[in-house]
Amino acid sequence: MLAAGFTMSPQAFAQVNVGGGTGSGTAISSCNTNSTEANAEGSYSVAIGCEADAGQNFNLVDRGNPSFTWTGGSQNNSGSTAIGTGTEAGDVATALGTQAKAIGRSSVAIGAAAYSNGNTSLALGRQSAATADFAQAIGNVSSATGQGSLAVGHSALASGNVVLRLVQLILKMQVQWLIKQM
């Protein structure tokens, strides 16, 4: 037998188009007196969690990706998504996890205290940081600080264009394999 349920505390708070939410933004939270309720400023924005803040309206424009056909016309009104305590999402950004911050336009921050403030940047992992445009930091405490840089792996650091911690790991594995062959 399978059973499913959904409950909300009697103090849960949800709002659409009232208080801190405007347009058709949705904010859901249940906070004590020491923190602020969720805030969804823009149309289609979603903020869930105490002190979660989803940014304002912004337009998406087709960038001509040959692997993806845009079907939304030349511009679409869109929103941001912030889920978790203390999260913050900027224009068309997504922040997921406690204290995750996706500040840059179209940026993504996923993980506790993940931080993405470059435009179209990605921070994935606890305390990962992508601080330049198009930077990608993937891994626990990884950091990509150069434009277009890519840091992959635990504590990986990329300050210029495309520096991979993954390459270091592969080389280490190759050396270990060669030693075993001797």
N, C-alpha and C. Protein backbone atom coordinates (compact mmCIF):
# COMPACT_ATOMS: atom_id res chain seq x y z
N MET A 1 0.84 -1.17 0.00
CA MET A 1 0.00 0.00 0.00
C MET A 1 0.89 1.24 0.00
N LEU A 2 0.56 2.19 -0.80
CA LEU A 2 1.31 3.43 -0.91
C LEU A 2 0.44 4.58 -0.45
N ALA A 3 0.98 5.42 0.40
CA ALA A 3 0.22 6.57 0.88
C ALA A 3 1.08 7.81 0.76
N ALA A 4 0.46 8.91 0.41
CA ALA A 4 1.18 10.18 0.29
C ALA A 4 0.37 11.25 1.00
N GLY A 5 1.07 12.23 1.51
CA GLY A 5 0.37 13.31 2.19
C GLY A 5 1.14 14.61 2.09
N PHE A 6 0.45 15.71 2.31
CA PHE A 6 1.06 17.02 2.27
C PHE A 6 0.44 17.83 3.39
N THR A 7 1.26 18.38 4.25
CA THR A 7 0.74 19.20 5.34
C THR A 7 1.49 20.51 5.39
N MET A 8 0.81 21.53 5.88
CA MET A 8 1.43 22.84 6.10
C MET A 8 1.12 23.24 7.54
N SER A 9 2.08 23.88 8.16
CA SER A 9 1.85 24.32 9.53
C SER A 9 0.78 25.40 9.54
N PRO A 10 0.10 25.60 10.66
CA PRO A 10 -0.94 26.62 10.71
C PRO A 10 -0.39 28.03 10.48
N GLN A 11 0.93 28.22 10.63
CA GLN A 11 1.50 29.55 10.45
C GLN A 11 2.10 29.74 9.06
N ALA A 12 1.92 28.80 8.16
CA ALA A 12 2.49 28.93 6.81
C ALA A 12 1.89 30.15 6.13
N PHE A 13 2.68 30.78 5.30
CA PHE A 13 2.29 32.03 4.66
C PHE A 13 2.50 31.91 3.16
N ALA A 14 1.48 32.20 2.39
CA ALA A 14 1.60 32.21 0.93
C ALA A 14 0.95 33.47 0.41
N GLN A 15 1.54 34.06 -0.62
CA GLN A 15 0.95 35.27 -1.17
C GLN A 15 1.11 35.30 -2.68
N VAL A 16 0.13 35.88 -3.31
CA VAL A 16 0.18 36.14 -4.75
C VAL A 16 -0.34 37.54 -4.95
N ASN A 17 0.47 38.42 -5.51
CA ASN A 17 0.06 39.78 -5.84
C ASN A 17 -0.35 40.60 -4.61
N VAL A 18 0.27 40.34 -3.46
CA VAL A 18 0.02 41.15 -2.27
C VAL A 18 1.31 41.35 -1.51
N GLY A 19 1.37 42.35 -0.66
CA GLY A 19 2.54 42.58 0.19
C GLY A 19 3.81 42.65 -0.62
N GLY A 20 4.77 41.75 -0.33
CA GLY A 20 6.05 41.74 -1.02
C GLY A 20 5.98 41.19 -2.42
N GLY A 21 4.90 40.55 -2.82
CA GLY A 21 4.80 40.00 -4.18
C GLY A 21 3.97 40.92 -5.06
N THR A 22 4.44 41.15 -6.27
CA THR A 22 3.69 41.98 -7.21
C THR A 22 3.47 41.19 -8.48
N GLY A 23 2.65 41.73 -9.39
CA GLY A 23 2.35 41.01 -10.62
C GLY A 23 1.74 39.67 -10.27
N SER A 24 2.19 38.62 -10.93
CA SER A 24 1.69 37.29 -10.60
C SER A 24 2.75 36.48 -9.87
N GLY A 25 3.67 37.15 -9.19
CA GLY A 25 4.71 36.46 -8.42
C GLY A 25 4.10 35.67 -7.27
N THR A 26 4.77 34.60 -6.87
CA THR A 26 4.30 33.75 -5.78
C THR A 26 5.38 33.66 -4.71
N ALA A 27 5.01 33.95 -3.47
CA ALA A 27 5.94 33.89 -2.35
C ALA A 27 5.33 33.02 -1.26
N ILE A 28 6.09 32.04 -0.77
CA ILE A 28 5.60 31.13 0.26
C ILE A 28 6.65 31.04 1.37
N SER A 29 6.22 31.28 2.62
CA SER A 29 7.15 31.16 3.74
C SER A 29 6.39 31.10 5.05
N SER A 30 7.07 30.67 6.08
CA SER A 30 6.55 30.66 7.44
C SER A 30 7.72 31.03 8.35
N CYS A 31 7.83 32.30 8.70
CA CYS A 31 9.04 32.80 9.36
C CYS A 31 8.74 33.30 10.77
N ASN A 32 9.77 33.25 11.62
CA ASN A 32 9.63 33.81 12.95
C ASN A 32 9.85 35.32 12.87
N THR A 33 9.78 35.99 14.00
CA THR A 33 9.88 37.45 14.00
C THR A 33 11.27 37.97 13.67
N ASN A 34 12.29 37.11 13.67
CA ASN A 34 13.66 37.54 13.40
C ASN A 34 14.03 37.50 11.92
N SER A 35 13.13 37.06 11.06
CA SER A 35 13.46 37.00 9.63
C SER A 35 12.27 37.50 8.81
N THR A 36 12.53 37.83 7.57
CA THR A 36 11.49 38.37 6.70
C THR A 36 10.84 37.26 5.88
N GLU A 37 9.62 37.52 5.46
CA GLU A 37 8.88 36.57 4.62
C GLU A 37 9.49 36.55 3.22
N ALA A 38 9.16 35.52 2.47
CA ALA A 38 9.61 35.39 1.09
C ALA A 38 9.08 36.56 0.26
N ASN A 39 9.83 36.97 -0.76
CA ASN A 39 9.44 38.10 -1.60
C ASN A 39 9.61 37.73 -3.08
N ALA A 40 8.53 37.77 -3.84
CA ALA A 40 8.57 37.50 -5.28
C ALA A 40 8.17 38.78 -5.99
N GLU A 41 9.14 39.58 -6.41
CA GLU A 41 8.86 40.90 -6.96
C GLU A 41 8.23 40.89 -8.34
N GLY A 42 8.71 40.05 -9.24
CA GLY A 42 8.30 40.14 -10.63
C GLY A 42 7.22 39.16 -11.02
N SER A 43 6.59 39.44 -12.16
CA SER A 43 5.61 38.52 -12.72
C SER A 43 6.26 37.18 -12.95
N TYR A 44 5.56 36.12 -12.62
CA TYR A 44 6.02 34.75 -12.81
C TYR A 44 7.21 34.38 -11.93
N SER A 45 7.59 35.23 -11.00
CA SER A 45 8.67 34.90 -10.07
C SER A 45 8.14 34.01 -8.96
N VAL A 46 9.03 33.16 -8.41
CA VAL A 46 8.65 32.27 -7.32
C VAL A 46 9.72 32.37 -6.23
N ALA A 47 9.29 32.62 -4.99
CA ALA A 47 10.19 32.64 -3.85
C ALA A 47 9.60 31.76 -2.76
N ILE A 48 10.37 30.77 -2.30
CA ILE A 48 9.90 29.86 -1.26
C ILE A 48 10.96 29.81 -0.16
N GLY A 49 10.57 30.16 1.07
CA GLY A 49 11.47 30.09 2.21
C GLY A 49 11.67 31.45 2.84
N CYS A 50 11.96 31.47 4.13
CA CYS A 50 12.20 32.73 4.83
C CYS A 50 13.37 33.46 4.20
N GLU A 51 13.20 34.75 3.99
CA GLU A 51 14.20 35.63 3.40
C GLU A 51 14.55 35.26 1.96
N ALA A 52 13.75 34.42 1.30
CA ALA A 52 13.95 34.12 -0.12
C ALA A 52 13.49 35.33 -0.93
N ASP A 53 14.25 35.69 -1.95
CA ASP A 53 13.93 36.87 -2.75
C ASP A 53 14.11 36.56 -4.23
N ALA A 54 13.02 36.58 -4.99
CA ALA A 54 13.08 36.35 -6.43
C ALA A 54 12.96 37.70 -7.13
N GLY A 55 13.81 37.94 -8.11
CA GLY A 55 13.95 39.23 -8.76
C GLY A 55 12.77 39.69 -9.59
N GLN A 56 13.00 40.77 -10.31
CA GLN A 56 11.96 41.45 -11.07
C GLN A 56 11.79 40.84 -12.46
N ASN A 57 10.86 41.43 -13.22
CA ASN A 57 10.61 40.98 -14.58
C ASN A 57 11.83 41.18 -15.46
N PHE A 58 11.94 40.36 -16.47
CA PHE A 58 13.03 40.49 -17.43
C PHE A 58 12.62 39.80 -18.71
N ASN A 59 13.15 40.22 -19.83
CA ASN A 59 12.81 39.61 -21.11
C ASN A 59 13.89 38.65 -21.56
N LEU A 60 13.47 37.52 -22.13
CA LEU A 60 14.39 36.56 -22.73
C LEU A 60 14.43 36.80 -24.23
N VAL A 61 15.61 36.70 -24.80
CA VAL A 61 15.78 36.91 -26.23
C VAL A 61 16.48 35.70 -26.82
N ASP A 62 16.05 35.24 -27.98
CA ASP A 62 16.67 34.09 -28.65
C ASP A 62 18.11 34.43 -29.00
N ARG A 63 19.04 33.56 -28.59
CA ARG A 63 20.47 33.76 -28.88
C ARG A 63 20.94 32.90 -30.04
N GLY A 64 20.03 32.15 -30.67
CA GLY A 64 20.39 31.40 -31.86
C GLY A 64 21.19 30.14 -31.61
N ASN A 65 20.87 29.38 -30.57
CA ASN A 65 21.56 28.12 -30.30
C ASN A 65 21.16 27.10 -31.36
N PRO A 66 22.12 26.55 -32.13
CA PRO A 66 21.77 25.61 -33.19
C PRO A 66 21.22 24.28 -32.65
N SER A 67 21.40 24.01 -31.37
CA SER A 67 20.91 22.76 -30.78
C SER A 67 19.55 22.92 -30.11
N PHE A 68 18.98 24.11 -30.17
CA PHE A 68 17.71 24.36 -29.52
C PHE A 68 16.91 25.36 -30.34
N THR A 69 15.68 25.02 -30.67
CA THR A 69 14.82 25.91 -31.43
C THR A 69 13.92 26.68 -30.48
N TRP A 70 14.07 28.00 -30.45
CA TRP A 70 13.28 28.87 -29.59
C TRP A 70 11.88 28.98 -30.15
N THR A 71 10.86 28.73 -29.32
CA THR A 71 9.47 28.79 -29.79
C THR A 71 8.69 29.90 -29.10
N GLY A 72 9.36 30.75 -28.34
CA GLY A 72 8.66 31.76 -27.57
C GLY A 72 8.58 33.12 -28.23
N GLY A 73 8.83 33.25 -29.52
CA GLY A 73 8.83 34.56 -30.15
C GLY A 73 10.14 35.27 -29.87
N SER A 74 10.21 36.54 -30.18
CA SER A 74 11.46 37.26 -30.00
C SER A 74 11.72 37.60 -28.55
N GLN A 75 10.68 37.82 -27.75
CA GLN A 75 10.86 38.12 -26.34
C GLN A 75 9.73 37.51 -25.54
N ASN A 76 10.04 37.05 -24.37
CA ASN A 76 9.04 36.53 -23.44
C ASN A 76 9.27 37.14 -22.08
N ASN A 77 8.20 37.56 -21.43
CA ASN A 77 8.33 38.03 -20.07
C ASN A 77 8.56 36.83 -19.17
N SER A 78 9.49 36.91 -18.27
CA SER A 78 9.83 35.76 -17.45
C SER A 78 10.09 36.20 -16.03
N GLY A 79 10.40 35.25 -15.17
CA GLY A 79 10.65 35.56 -13.77
C GLY A 79 11.83 34.79 -13.23
N SER A 80 12.00 34.88 -11.94
CA SER A 80 13.11 34.25 -11.25
C SER A 80 12.57 33.24 -10.25
N THR A 81 13.46 32.34 -9.81
CA THR A 81 13.06 31.33 -8.84
C THR A 81 14.07 31.29 -7.70
N ALA A 82 13.60 31.46 -6.48
CA ALA A 82 14.44 31.39 -5.28
C ALA A 82 13.78 30.44 -4.30
N ILE A 83 14.44 29.31 -4.01
CA ILE A 83 13.87 28.32 -3.10
C ILE A 83 14.89 28.00 -2.02
N GLY A 84 14.52 28.28 -0.77
CA GLY A 84 15.39 27.99 0.37
C GLY A 84 15.56 29.20 1.26
N THR A 85 15.91 28.97 2.49
CA THR A 85 16.10 30.05 3.44
C THR A 85 17.23 30.96 3.01
N GLY A 86 16.95 32.25 2.92
CA GLY A 86 17.97 33.24 2.58
C GLY A 86 18.42 33.22 1.14
N THR A 87 17.67 32.58 0.25
CA THR A 87 18.07 32.55 -1.16
C THR A 87 17.77 33.88 -1.83
N GLU A 88 18.47 34.14 -2.93
CA GLU A 88 18.25 35.35 -3.70
C GLU A 88 18.48 35.04 -5.17
N ALA A 89 17.53 35.45 -6.02
CA ALA A 89 17.65 35.22 -7.46
C ALA A 89 17.42 36.53 -8.19
N GLY A 90 18.35 36.90 -9.07
CA GLY A 90 18.25 38.11 -9.87
C GLY A 90 17.40 37.88 -11.11
N ASP A 91 17.62 38.70 -12.14
CA ASP A 91 16.84 38.64 -13.37
C ASP A 91 16.92 37.27 -14.02
N VAL A 92 15.78 36.61 -14.19
CA VAL A 92 15.64 35.31 -14.85
C VAL A 92 16.65 34.31 -14.29
N ALA A 93 16.91 34.38 -13.00
CA ALA A 93 17.91 33.52 -12.35
C ALA A 93 17.22 32.48 -11.48
N THR A 94 17.99 31.45 -11.12
CA THR A 94 17.47 30.38 -10.27
C THR A 94 18.44 30.12 -9.12
N ALA A 95 17.93 30.23 -7.90
CA ALA A 95 18.72 29.93 -6.70
C ALA A 95 18.00 28.86 -5.91
N LEU A 96 18.72 27.79 -5.58
CA LEU A 96 18.11 26.66 -4.88
C LEU A 96 19.06 26.18 -3.79
N GLY A 97 18.64 26.29 -2.53
CA GLY A 97 19.45 25.85 -1.40
C GLY A 97 19.62 26.96 -0.39
N THR A 98 19.83 26.60 0.85
CA THR A 98 19.99 27.58 1.91
C THR A 98 21.10 28.58 1.57
N GLN A 99 20.77 29.86 1.62
CA GLN A 99 21.69 30.97 1.35
C GLN A 99 22.27 30.96 -0.07
N ALA A 100 21.67 30.25 -1.01
CA ALA A 100 22.13 30.28 -2.41
C ALA A 100 21.81 31.64 -3.00
N LYS A 101 22.75 32.19 -3.76
CA LYS A 101 22.58 33.51 -4.39
C LYS A 101 22.89 33.41 -5.88
N ALA A 102 21.89 33.65 -6.71
CA ALA A 102 22.07 33.72 -8.16
C ALA A 102 21.78 35.16 -8.55
N ILE A 103 22.81 35.98 -8.54
CA ILE A 103 22.67 37.42 -8.70
C ILE A 103 22.74 37.83 -10.17
N GLY A 104 23.60 37.19 -10.95
CA GLY A 104 23.78 37.56 -12.35
C GLY A 104 22.57 37.22 -13.20
N ARG A 105 22.40 37.95 -14.28
CA ARG A 105 21.29 37.72 -15.20
C ARG A 105 21.37 36.31 -15.78
N SER A 106 20.27 35.58 -15.69
CA SER A 106 20.17 34.19 -16.18
C SER A 106 21.17 33.26 -15.51
N SER A 107 21.56 33.55 -14.29
CA SER A 107 22.52 32.71 -13.57
C SER A 107 21.80 31.63 -12.77
N VAL A 108 22.57 30.61 -12.36
CA VAL A 108 22.03 29.50 -11.58
C VAL A 108 22.96 29.22 -10.41
N ALA A 109 22.40 29.11 -9.21
CA ALA A 109 23.17 28.73 -8.02
C ALA A 109 22.39 27.62 -7.32
N ILE A 110 23.00 26.44 -7.23
CA ILE A 110 22.35 25.30 -6.59
C ILE A 110 23.29 24.73 -5.54
N GLY A 111 22.83 24.71 -4.29
CA GLY A 111 23.63 24.18 -3.19
C GLY A 111 23.67 25.17 -2.05
N ALA A 112 23.95 24.69 -0.87
CA ALA A 112 24.04 25.57 0.29
C ALA A 112 25.14 26.60 0.08
N ALA A 113 24.78 27.87 0.16
CA ALA A 113 25.70 29.00 0.00
C ALA A 113 26.38 29.04 -1.36
N ALA A 114 25.79 28.45 -2.37
CA ALA A 114 26.32 28.58 -3.74
C ALA A 114 26.12 30.02 -4.18
N TYR A 115 27.07 30.56 -4.95
CA TYR A 115 27.05 31.98 -5.33
C TYR A 115 27.38 32.14 -6.81
N SER A 116 26.46 32.73 -7.55
CA SER A 116 26.64 32.92 -8.98
C SER A 116 26.27 34.36 -9.33
N ASN A 117 27.27 35.21 -9.60
CA ASN A 117 26.92 36.60 -9.89
C ASN A 117 27.33 37.06 -11.28
N GLY A 118 27.92 36.20 -12.08
CA GLY A 118 28.20 36.56 -13.47
C GLY A 118 26.98 36.28 -14.33
N ASN A 119 26.81 37.04 -15.41
CA ASN A 119 25.71 36.78 -16.32
C ASN A 119 25.86 35.39 -16.93
N THR A 120 24.79 34.63 -16.96
CA THR A 120 24.74 33.27 -17.50
C THR A 120 25.80 32.39 -16.84
N SER A 121 26.03 32.57 -15.56
CA SER A 121 27.01 31.76 -14.84
C SER A 121 26.31 30.65 -14.06
N LEU A 122 27.09 29.64 -13.65
CA LEU A 122 26.56 28.48 -12.95
C LEU A 122 27.44 28.13 -11.77
N ALA A 123 26.84 28.05 -10.58
CA ALA A 123 27.53 27.57 -9.38
C ALA A 123 26.74 26.37 -8.88
N LEU A 124 27.37 25.21 -8.87
CA LEU A 124 26.69 23.97 -8.51
C LEU A 124 27.51 23.25 -7.45
N GLY A 125 27.01 23.23 -6.21
CA GLY A 125 27.71 22.58 -5.11
C GLY A 125 27.81 23.51 -3.92
N ARG A 126 28.00 22.93 -2.75
CA ARG A 126 28.08 23.71 -1.51
C ARG A 126 29.23 24.71 -1.59
N GLN A 127 28.91 25.96 -1.36
CA GLN A 127 29.85 27.07 -1.36
C GLN A 127 30.64 27.20 -2.66
N SER A 128 30.07 26.75 -3.76
CA SER A 128 30.71 26.98 -5.05
C SER A 128 30.45 28.43 -5.46
N ALA A 129 31.35 28.99 -6.29
CA ALA A 129 31.21 30.38 -6.69
C ALA A 129 31.60 30.57 -8.15
N ALA A 130 30.71 31.18 -8.91
CA ALA A 130 30.97 31.56 -10.30
C ALA A 130 30.79 33.07 -10.37
N THR A 131 31.91 33.80 -10.41
CA THR A 131 31.86 35.25 -10.22
C THR A 131 32.09 36.06 -11.48
N ALA A 132 32.21 35.42 -12.63
CA ALA A 132 32.42 36.15 -13.89
C ALA A 132 31.36 35.71 -14.90
N ASP A 133 31.16 36.52 -15.93
CA ASP A 133 30.21 36.16 -16.97
C ASP A 133 30.59 34.82 -17.60
N PHE A 134 29.60 33.96 -17.79
CA PHE A 134 29.73 32.65 -18.44
C PHE A 134 30.60 31.67 -17.66
N ALA A 135 30.97 31.98 -16.43
CA ALA A 135 31.80 31.08 -15.60
C ALA A 135 30.95 29.94 -15.06
N GLN A 136 31.60 28.78 -14.86
CA GLN A 136 30.92 27.61 -14.32
C GLN A 136 31.78 26.97 -13.24
N ALA A 137 31.24 26.90 -12.03
CA ALA A 137 31.92 26.25 -10.90
C ALA A 137 31.07 25.06 -10.49
N ILE A 138 31.62 23.86 -10.66
CA ILE A 138 30.87 22.64 -10.38
C ILE A 138 31.66 21.81 -9.38
N GLY A 139 31.13 21.70 -8.16
CA GLY A 139 31.80 20.92 -7.13
C GLY A 139 31.85 21.66 -5.82
N ASN A 140 31.97 20.92 -4.76
CA ASN A 140 32.05 21.46 -3.41
C ASN A 140 33.19 22.47 -3.30
N VAL A 141 32.90 23.69 -2.93
CA VAL A 141 33.86 24.77 -2.72
C VAL A 141 34.69 25.07 -3.98
N SER A 142 34.15 24.82 -5.15
CA SER A 142 34.86 25.16 -6.39
C SER A 142 34.65 26.63 -6.70
N SER A 143 35.56 27.21 -7.49
CA SER A 143 35.50 28.63 -7.78
C SER A 143 35.95 28.92 -9.21
N ALA A 144 35.09 29.57 -9.98
CA ALA A 144 35.40 30.00 -11.34
C ALA A 144 35.29 31.52 -11.39
N THR A 145 36.44 32.20 -11.54
CA THR A 145 36.46 33.66 -11.42
C THR A 145 36.80 34.38 -12.71
N GLY A 146 37.18 33.67 -13.76
CA GLY A 146 37.50 34.31 -15.03
C GLY A 146 36.35 34.17 -16.02
N GLN A 147 36.22 35.13 -16.93
CA GLN A 147 35.15 35.06 -17.92
C GLN A 147 35.27 33.77 -18.73
N GLY A 148 34.17 33.00 -18.78
CA GLY A 148 34.15 31.75 -19.51
C GLY A 148 34.93 30.63 -18.86
N SER A 149 35.36 30.80 -17.62
CA SER A 149 36.16 29.77 -16.95
C SER A 149 35.29 28.61 -16.49
N LEU A 150 35.92 27.45 -16.32
CA LEU A 150 35.23 26.24 -15.89
C LEU A 150 36.06 25.53 -14.84
N ALA A 151 35.51 25.42 -13.63
CA ALA A 151 36.17 24.70 -12.54
C ALA A 151 35.31 23.50 -12.19
N VAL A 152 35.89 22.30 -12.27
CA VAL A 152 35.14 21.07 -12.00
C VAL A 152 35.88 20.26 -10.95
N GLY A 153 35.22 19.97 -9.84
CA GLY A 153 35.82 19.13 -8.81
C GLY A 153 35.89 19.84 -7.47
N HIS A 154 36.11 19.07 -6.42
CA HIS A 154 36.20 19.60 -5.07
C HIS A 154 37.35 20.61 -4.97
N SER A 155 37.05 21.81 -4.51
CA SER A 155 38.02 22.89 -4.31
C SER A 155 38.75 23.29 -5.59
N ALA A 156 38.17 23.01 -6.75
CA ALA A 156 38.79 23.41 -8.02
C ALA A 156 38.74 24.93 -8.15
N LEU A 157 39.76 25.49 -8.78
CA LEU A 157 39.85 26.93 -8.98
C LEU A 157 40.19 27.21 -10.43
N ALA A 158 39.38 28.02 -11.09
CA ALA A 158 39.64 28.44 -12.46
C ALA A 158 39.57 29.96 -12.50
N SER A 159 40.71 30.60 -12.76
CA SER A 159 40.73 32.05 -12.79
C SER A 159 40.83 32.59 -14.21
N GLY A 160 41.22 31.75 -15.16
CA GLY A 160 41.28 32.16 -16.56
C GLY A 160 40.26 31.39 -17.35
N ASN A 161 40.37 31.42 -18.65
CA ASN A 161 39.45 30.68 -19.50
C ASN A 161 39.73 29.19 -19.41
N VAL A 162 38.72 28.43 -19.12
CA VAL A 162 38.69 26.97 -19.15
C VAL A 162 39.90 26.31 -18.47
N VAL A 163 39.86 26.26 -17.16
CA VAL A 163 40.85 25.52 -16.39
C VAL A 163 40.09 24.39 -15.70
N LEU A 164 40.55 23.18 -15.88
CA LEU A 164 39.80 22.04 -15.37
C LEU A 164 40.54 21.29 -14.26
N ARG A 165 39.92 21.17 -13.13
CA ARG A 165 40.44 20.29 -12.08
C ARG A 165 40.31 18.85 -12.55
N LEU A 166 39.32 18.59 -13.39
CA LEU A 166 39.10 17.25 -13.91
C LEU A 166 40.33 16.74 -14.65
N VAL A 167 41.02 17.60 -15.38
CA VAL A 167 42.23 17.21 -16.09
C VAL A 167 43.28 16.72 -15.10
N GLN A 168 43.41 17.41 -13.98
CA GLN A 168 44.36 17.00 -12.96
C GLN A 168 44.03 15.60 -12.44
N LEU A 169 42.76 15.35 -12.22
CA LEU A 169 42.35 14.04 -11.71
C LEU A 169 42.61 12.94 -12.74
N ILE A 170 42.36 13.22 -14.00
CA ILE A 170 42.62 12.23 -15.06
C ILE A 170 44.10 11.92 -15.15
N LEU A 171 44.93 12.96 -15.12
CA LEU A 171 46.37 12.75 -15.17
C LEU A 171 46.85 11.92 -13.99
N LYS A 172 46.31 12.19 -12.82
CA LYS A 172 46.67 11.43 -11.63
C LYS A 172 46.29 9.96 -11.81
N MET A 173 45.11 9.71 -12.35
CA MET A 173 44.67 8.33 -12.59
C MET A 173 45.57 7.64 -13.61
N GLN A 174 45.99 8.37 -14.64
CA GLN A 174 46.87 7.78 -15.65
C GLN A 174 48.23 7.41 -15.05
N VAL A 175 48.76 8.27 -14.20
CA VAL A 175 50.04 7.99 -13.55
C VAL A 175 49.90 6.75 -12.66
N GLN A 176 48.81 6.69 -11.90
CA GLN A 176 48.59 5.52 -11.04
C GLN A 176 48.49 4.24 -11.88
N TRP A 177 47.84 4.31 -13.02
CA TRP A 177 47.71 3.15 -13.90
C TRP A 177 49.09 2.73 -14.44
N LEU A 178 49.89 3.71 -14.84
CA LEU A 178 51.22 3.40 -15.34
C LEU A 178 52.09 2.74 -14.27
N ILE A 179 51.97 3.21 -13.05
CA ILE A 179 52.74 2.62 -11.94
C ILE A 179 52.34 1.16 -11.74
N LYS A 180 51.06 0.87 -11.83
CA LYS A 180 50.58 -0.51 -11.66
C LYS A 180 51.09 -1.41 -12.79
N GLN A 181 51.33 -0.85 -13.96
CA GLN A 181 51.78 -1.64 -15.11
C GLN A 181 53.25 -2.02 -15.00
N MET A 182 53.99 -1.36 -14.15
CA MET A 182 55.43 -1.63 -14.01
C MET A 182 55.71 -2.90 -13.26
